[in-house]
Amino acid sequence: KYVAGGAINLVHKVQLLDAEMMKRTSQNSDKVLQKYKAAIVSATRSGFLQDAALSNYLCAQYCQTNSKLESYHEMYMVKSRDQFLSWGASEVAKSLCERYPNVFSKMKSLRPRR
């Protein structure tokens, strides 16, 4: 309703909610991943870095719990960290590095700037 009414800045939020709801009910992991990707792209294009970072983070968590998508986990986690840094949330990025050392300790270039 809101999206159709012209509230274009809500599109990525609706897409993220769709992905979150769908991951609980859908057996089709590819469709869930597509919903996350749509939310990430929409948020990024609209300049909502914090929402793009959150979408990447939630997508990374979903990929980590799905054996078919597990190989995407690191990519989305790194993108999340990078977008949090771009948004200025360096403490959140640092927290991700501390909580997921297996992802960020592999490459020195992926560690957050201090």
N, C-alpha and C. Protein backbone atom coordinates (compact mmCIF):
# COMPACT_ATOMS: atom_id res chain seq x y z
N LYS A 1 0.83 -1.19 0.00
CA LYS A 1 0.00 0.00 0.00
C LYS A 1 0.88 1.26 0.00
N TYR A 2 1.84 1.34 0.93
CA TYR A 2 2.69 2.52 1.01
C TYR A 2 3.59 2.65 -0.21
N VAL A 3 4.12 1.52 -0.66
CA VAL A 3 5.00 1.54 -1.82
C VAL A 3 4.23 2.00 -3.04
N ALA A 4 3.03 1.50 -3.23
CA ALA A 4 2.21 1.89 -4.37
C ALA A 4 1.82 3.36 -4.28
N GLY A 5 1.74 3.89 -3.07
CA GLY A 5 1.37 5.28 -2.87
C GLY A 5 2.51 6.26 -3.07
N GLY A 6 3.69 5.76 -3.42
CA GLY A 6 4.79 6.66 -3.73
C GLY A 6 5.85 6.76 -2.65
N ALA A 7 5.74 6.01 -1.60
CA ALA A 7 6.75 6.06 -0.55
C ALA A 7 7.92 5.17 -0.95
N ILE A 8 8.63 5.60 -1.97
CA ILE A 8 9.69 4.80 -2.58
C ILE A 8 10.80 4.45 -1.60
N ASN A 9 11.00 5.26 -0.59
CA ASN A 9 12.07 4.97 0.36
C ASN A 9 11.74 3.82 1.29
N LEU A 10 10.56 3.24 1.16
CA LEU A 10 10.19 2.08 1.96
C LEU A 10 10.39 0.76 1.23
N VAL A 11 10.68 0.81 -0.06
CA VAL A 11 10.74 -0.40 -0.87
C VAL A 11 11.73 -1.41 -0.28
N HIS A 12 12.93 -0.96 0.05
CA HIS A 12 13.94 -1.89 0.56
C HIS A 12 13.53 -2.51 1.90
N LYS A 13 12.79 -1.76 2.69
CA LYS A 13 12.33 -2.29 3.98
C LYS A 13 11.28 -3.37 3.79
N VAL A 14 10.38 -3.14 2.85
CA VAL A 14 9.37 -4.14 2.54
C VAL A 14 10.04 -5.40 1.98
N GLN A 15 11.04 -5.21 1.12
CA GLN A 15 11.75 -6.36 0.56
C GLN A 15 12.48 -7.15 1.64
N LEU A 16 13.08 -6.45 2.59
CA LEU A 16 13.77 -7.12 3.68
C LEU A 16 12.78 -7.90 4.56
N LEU A 17 11.65 -7.28 4.85
CA LEU A 17 10.62 -7.99 5.62
C LEU A 17 10.12 -9.22 4.88
N ASP A 18 9.95 -9.09 3.57
CA ASP A 18 9.53 -10.24 2.76
C ASP A 18 10.55 -11.37 2.88
N ALA A 19 11.82 -11.03 2.79
CA ALA A 19 12.88 -12.04 2.88
C ALA A 19 12.87 -12.71 4.25
N GLU A 20 12.71 -11.91 5.30
CA GLU A 20 12.70 -12.47 6.66
C GLU A 20 11.50 -13.38 6.88
N MET A 21 10.35 -12.99 6.37
CA MET A 21 9.16 -13.84 6.51
C MET A 21 9.28 -15.09 5.65
N MET A 22 9.79 -14.92 4.46
CA MET A 22 9.90 -16.03 3.54
C MET A 22 10.91 -17.08 4.04
N LYS A 23 11.97 -16.65 4.69
CA LYS A 23 12.96 -17.63 5.15
C LYS A 23 12.39 -18.57 6.20
N ARG A 24 11.33 -18.15 6.87
CA ARG A 24 10.72 -18.99 7.88
C ARG A 24 9.69 -19.97 7.31
N THR A 25 9.22 -19.69 6.10
CA THR A 25 8.16 -20.52 5.54
C THR A 25 8.52 -21.21 4.23
N SER A 26 9.52 -20.70 3.52
CA SER A 26 9.82 -21.22 2.19
C SER A 26 10.89 -22.30 2.22
N GLN A 27 10.69 -23.28 1.39
CA GLN A 27 11.70 -24.32 1.20
C GLN A 27 12.63 -23.95 0.04
N ASN A 28 12.31 -22.88 -0.67
CA ASN A 28 13.10 -22.47 -1.83
C ASN A 28 14.12 -21.42 -1.42
N SER A 29 15.33 -21.85 -1.12
CA SER A 29 16.37 -20.94 -0.64
C SER A 29 16.78 -19.93 -1.71
N ASP A 30 16.68 -20.30 -2.98
CA ASP A 30 17.04 -19.35 -4.05
C ASP A 30 16.10 -18.15 -4.06
N LYS A 31 14.82 -18.38 -3.82
CA LYS A 31 13.85 -17.28 -3.80
C LYS A 31 14.10 -16.37 -2.59
N VAL A 32 14.44 -16.97 -1.47
CA VAL A 32 14.74 -16.17 -0.28
C VAL A 32 15.97 -15.32 -0.54
N LEU A 33 16.99 -15.92 -1.11
CA LEU A 33 18.22 -15.17 -1.42
C LEU A 33 17.93 -14.02 -2.38
N GLN A 34 17.06 -14.25 -3.35
CA GLN A 34 16.69 -13.18 -4.30
C GLN A 34 16.00 -12.02 -3.58
N LYS A 35 15.18 -12.33 -2.59
CA LYS A 35 14.52 -11.27 -1.81
C LYS A 35 15.56 -10.43 -1.07
N TYR A 36 16.52 -11.11 -0.44
CA TYR A 36 17.59 -10.37 0.25
C TYR A 36 18.37 -9.50 -0.73
N LYS A 37 18.73 -10.07 -1.88
CA LYS A 37 19.49 -9.31 -2.88
C LYS A 37 18.71 -8.07 -3.33
N ALA A 38 17.42 -8.22 -3.53
CA ALA A 38 16.60 -7.08 -3.94
C ALA A 38 16.61 -5.99 -2.87
N ALA A 39 16.51 -6.38 -1.61
CA ALA A 39 16.54 -5.41 -0.51
C ALA A 39 17.89 -4.70 -0.45
N ILE A 40 18.96 -5.44 -0.65
CA ILE A 40 20.32 -4.87 -0.62
C ILE A 40 20.49 -3.86 -1.75
N VAL A 41 20.08 -4.25 -2.94
CA VAL A 41 20.23 -3.34 -4.10
C VAL A 41 19.37 -2.09 -3.92
N SER A 42 18.12 -2.25 -3.50
CA SER A 42 17.23 -1.10 -3.33
C SER A 42 17.75 -0.15 -2.26
N ALA A 43 18.20 -0.69 -1.15
CA ALA A 43 18.71 0.16 -0.06
C ALA A 43 19.97 0.89 -0.50
N THR A 44 20.86 0.20 -1.20
CA THR A 44 22.10 0.82 -1.67
C THR A 44 21.81 1.93 -2.67
N ARG A 45 20.96 1.64 -3.63
CA ARG A 45 20.63 2.65 -4.66
C ARG A 45 19.95 3.87 -4.07
N SER A 46 19.18 3.66 -3.01
CA SER A 46 18.47 4.77 -2.38
C SER A 46 19.32 5.52 -1.36
N GLY A 47 20.53 5.03 -1.11
CA GLY A 47 21.43 5.70 -0.18
C GLY A 47 21.24 5.35 1.28
N PHE A 48 20.54 4.27 1.55
CA PHE A 48 20.32 3.83 2.93
C PHE A 48 21.37 2.79 3.29
N LEU A 49 22.60 3.25 3.53
CA LEU A 49 23.71 2.34 3.79
C LEU A 49 23.47 1.47 5.02
N GLN A 50 22.85 2.05 6.04
CA GLN A 50 22.60 1.28 7.25
C GLN A 50 21.65 0.12 6.98
N ASP A 51 20.65 0.35 6.14
CA ASP A 51 19.71 -0.71 5.82
C ASP A 51 20.33 -1.74 4.87
N ALA A 52 21.20 -1.28 3.97
CA ALA A 52 21.92 -2.21 3.11
C ALA A 52 22.85 -3.08 3.94
N ALA A 53 23.51 -2.48 4.92
CA ALA A 53 24.40 -3.23 5.81
C ALA A 53 23.61 -4.26 6.61
N LEU A 54 22.47 -3.86 7.14
CA LEU A 54 21.63 -4.79 7.89
C LEU A 54 21.13 -5.92 6.99
N SER A 55 20.72 -5.59 5.78
CA SER A 55 20.24 -6.61 4.85
C SER A 55 21.35 -7.60 4.51
N ASN A 56 22.56 -7.10 4.29
CA ASN A 56 23.69 -7.98 4.03
C ASN A 56 23.97 -8.88 5.23
N TYR A 57 23.88 -8.32 6.42
CA TYR A 57 24.12 -9.10 7.64
C TYR A 57 23.09 -10.21 7.80
N LEU A 58 21.82 -9.88 7.63
CA LEU A 58 20.77 -10.88 7.77
C LEU A 58 20.87 -11.94 6.68
N CYS A 59 21.25 -11.53 5.49
CA CYS A 59 21.46 -12.47 4.40
C CYS A 59 22.63 -13.40 4.73
N ALA A 60 23.70 -12.86 5.28
CA ALA A 60 24.85 -13.68 5.67
C ALA A 60 24.45 -14.72 6.70
N GLN A 61 23.65 -14.30 7.67
CA GLN A 61 23.19 -15.25 8.68
C GLN A 61 22.34 -16.35 8.05
N TYR A 62 21.47 -15.97 7.14
CA TYR A 62 20.64 -16.96 6.46
C TYR A 62 21.51 -17.95 5.67
N CYS A 63 22.49 -17.43 4.95
CA CYS A 63 23.37 -18.29 4.16
C CYS A 63 24.16 -19.25 5.05
N GLN A 64 24.55 -18.78 6.21
CA GLN A 64 25.32 -19.60 7.13
C GLN A 64 24.51 -20.81 7.62
N THR A 65 23.22 -20.63 7.76
CA THR A 65 22.37 -21.71 8.27
C THR A 65 21.82 -22.62 7.18
N ASN A 66 22.09 -22.29 5.93
CA ASN A 66 21.58 -23.07 4.81
C ASN A 66 22.76 -23.71 4.07
N SER A 67 22.85 -25.02 4.13
CA SER A 67 24.00 -25.71 3.55
C SER A 67 24.18 -25.43 2.05
N LYS A 68 23.08 -25.20 1.36
CA LYS A 68 23.15 -24.90 -0.08
C LYS A 68 23.78 -23.52 -0.35
N LEU A 69 23.63 -22.61 0.60
CA LEU A 69 24.09 -21.22 0.41
C LEU A 69 25.29 -20.85 1.29
N GLU A 70 25.81 -21.80 2.02
CA GLU A 70 26.85 -21.51 3.01
C GLU A 70 28.07 -20.82 2.41
N SER A 71 28.37 -21.08 1.15
CA SER A 71 29.53 -20.47 0.51
C SER A 71 29.38 -18.95 0.34
N TYR A 72 28.17 -18.43 0.44
CA TYR A 72 27.91 -16.99 0.31
C TYR A 72 28.04 -16.24 1.63
N HIS A 73 28.08 -16.97 2.72
CA HIS A 73 28.10 -16.36 4.05
C HIS A 73 29.19 -15.30 4.19
N GLU A 74 30.41 -15.64 3.87
CA GLU A 74 31.52 -14.70 4.05
C GLU A 74 31.36 -13.45 3.19
N MET A 75 30.94 -13.64 1.95
CA MET A 75 30.78 -12.49 1.05
C MET A 75 29.79 -11.47 1.61
N TYR A 76 28.64 -11.94 2.06
CA TYR A 76 27.64 -11.02 2.59
C TYR A 76 28.06 -10.41 3.92
N MET A 77 28.79 -11.17 4.73
CA MET A 77 29.28 -10.63 6.00
C MET A 77 30.30 -9.52 5.76
N VAL A 78 31.19 -9.72 4.81
CA VAL A 78 32.19 -8.69 4.48
C VAL A 78 31.51 -7.45 3.92
N LYS A 79 30.52 -7.65 3.06
CA LYS A 79 29.78 -6.51 2.52
C LYS A 79 29.07 -5.75 3.63
N SER A 80 28.51 -6.48 4.58
CA SER A 80 27.84 -5.84 5.71
C SER A 80 28.83 -4.98 6.49
N ARG A 81 29.96 -5.57 6.80
CA ARG A 81 30.98 -4.82 7.55
C ARG A 81 31.42 -3.56 6.79
N ASP A 82 31.65 -3.71 5.49
CA ASP A 82 32.08 -2.57 4.67
C ASP A 82 31.03 -1.47 4.63
N GLN A 83 29.77 -1.84 4.55
CA GLN A 83 28.72 -0.83 4.50
C GLN A 83 28.51 -0.16 5.84
N PHE A 84 28.67 -0.91 6.92
CA PHE A 84 28.62 -0.27 8.24
C PHE A 84 29.76 0.73 8.37
N LEU A 85 30.93 0.38 7.87
CA LEU A 85 32.07 1.32 7.91
C LEU A 85 31.77 2.56 7.07
N SER A 86 31.23 2.36 5.89
CA SER A 86 30.90 3.50 5.01
C SER A 86 29.87 4.41 5.65
N TRP A 87 28.98 3.84 6.41
CA TRP A 87 27.94 4.62 7.08
C TRP A 87 28.50 5.34 8.30
N GLY A 88 29.65 4.90 8.78
CA GLY A 88 30.27 5.53 9.94
C GLY A 88 30.09 4.76 11.23
N ALA A 89 29.57 3.55 11.12
CA ALA A 89 29.34 2.73 12.31
C ALA A 89 30.53 1.79 12.53
N SER A 90 31.66 2.38 12.86
CA SER A 90 32.89 1.59 13.00
C SER A 90 32.83 0.62 14.16
N GLU A 91 32.10 0.96 15.22
CA GLU A 91 31.99 0.04 16.35
C GLU A 91 31.17 -1.20 15.98
N VAL A 92 30.17 -1.02 15.14
CA VAL A 92 29.38 -2.17 14.68
C VAL A 92 30.27 -3.06 13.81
N ALA A 93 31.04 -2.43 12.93
CA ALA A 93 31.95 -3.18 12.07
C ALA A 93 32.99 -3.93 12.91
N LYS A 94 33.51 -3.28 13.91
CA LYS A 94 34.47 -3.92 14.81
C LYS A 94 33.83 -5.11 15.52
N SER A 95 32.60 -4.94 15.95
CA SER A 95 31.87 -6.01 16.62
C SER A 95 31.69 -7.22 15.70
N LEU A 96 31.40 -6.97 14.43
CA LEU A 96 31.27 -8.08 13.48
C LEU A 96 32.58 -8.84 13.35
N CYS A 97 33.68 -8.10 13.30
CA CYS A 97 35.00 -8.74 13.19
C CYS A 97 35.30 -9.59 14.42
N GLU A 98 34.88 -9.11 15.56
CA GLU A 98 35.12 -9.85 16.80
C GLU A 98 34.20 -11.07 16.92
N ARG A 99 32.96 -10.93 16.46
CA ARG A 99 31.99 -12.02 16.56
C ARG A 99 32.18 -13.09 15.49
N TYR A 100 32.80 -12.72 14.38
CA TYR A 100 33.01 -13.65 13.28
C TYR A 100 34.49 -13.68 12.88
N PRO A 101 35.37 -14.06 13.80
CA PRO A 101 36.81 -14.04 13.49
C PRO A 101 37.17 -15.00 12.35
N ASN A 102 36.41 -16.07 12.19
CA ASN A 102 36.69 -17.01 11.11
C ASN A 102 36.52 -16.37 9.74
N VAL A 103 35.69 -15.36 9.64
CA VAL A 103 35.49 -14.66 8.37
C VAL A 103 36.57 -13.60 8.16
N PHE A 104 36.84 -12.81 9.18
CA PHE A 104 37.69 -11.64 9.00
C PHE A 104 39.18 -11.86 9.29
N SER A 105 39.53 -12.95 9.92
CA SER A 105 40.95 -13.18 10.21
C SER A 105 41.69 -13.77 9.02
N LYS A 106 40.97 -14.21 8.02
CA LYS A 106 41.60 -14.83 6.85
C LYS A 106 42.43 -13.84 6.03
N MET A 107 41.95 -12.60 5.96
CA MET A 107 42.61 -11.59 5.14
C MET A 107 42.83 -10.32 5.95
N LYS A 108 44.07 -9.89 6.02
CA LYS A 108 44.37 -8.68 6.78
C LYS A 108 43.65 -7.46 6.22
N SER A 109 43.46 -7.44 4.92
CA SER A 109 42.81 -6.28 4.29
C SER A 109 41.35 -6.15 4.67
N LEU A 110 40.77 -7.20 5.24
CA LEU A 110 39.37 -7.15 5.60
C LEU A 110 39.13 -6.66 7.03
N ARG A 111 40.19 -6.44 7.78
CA ARG A 111 40.03 -5.96 9.14
C ARG A 111 39.58 -4.51 9.13
N PRO A 112 38.77 -4.12 10.09
CA PRO A 112 38.26 -2.74 10.09
C PRO A 112 39.38 -1.74 10.33
N ARG A 113 39.20 -0.58 9.73
CA ARG A 113 40.15 0.52 9.95
C ARG A 113 39.92 1.09 11.33
N ARG A 114 40.98 1.41 12.01
CA ARG A 114 40.86 1.95 13.36
C ARG A 114 41.14 3.42 13.39
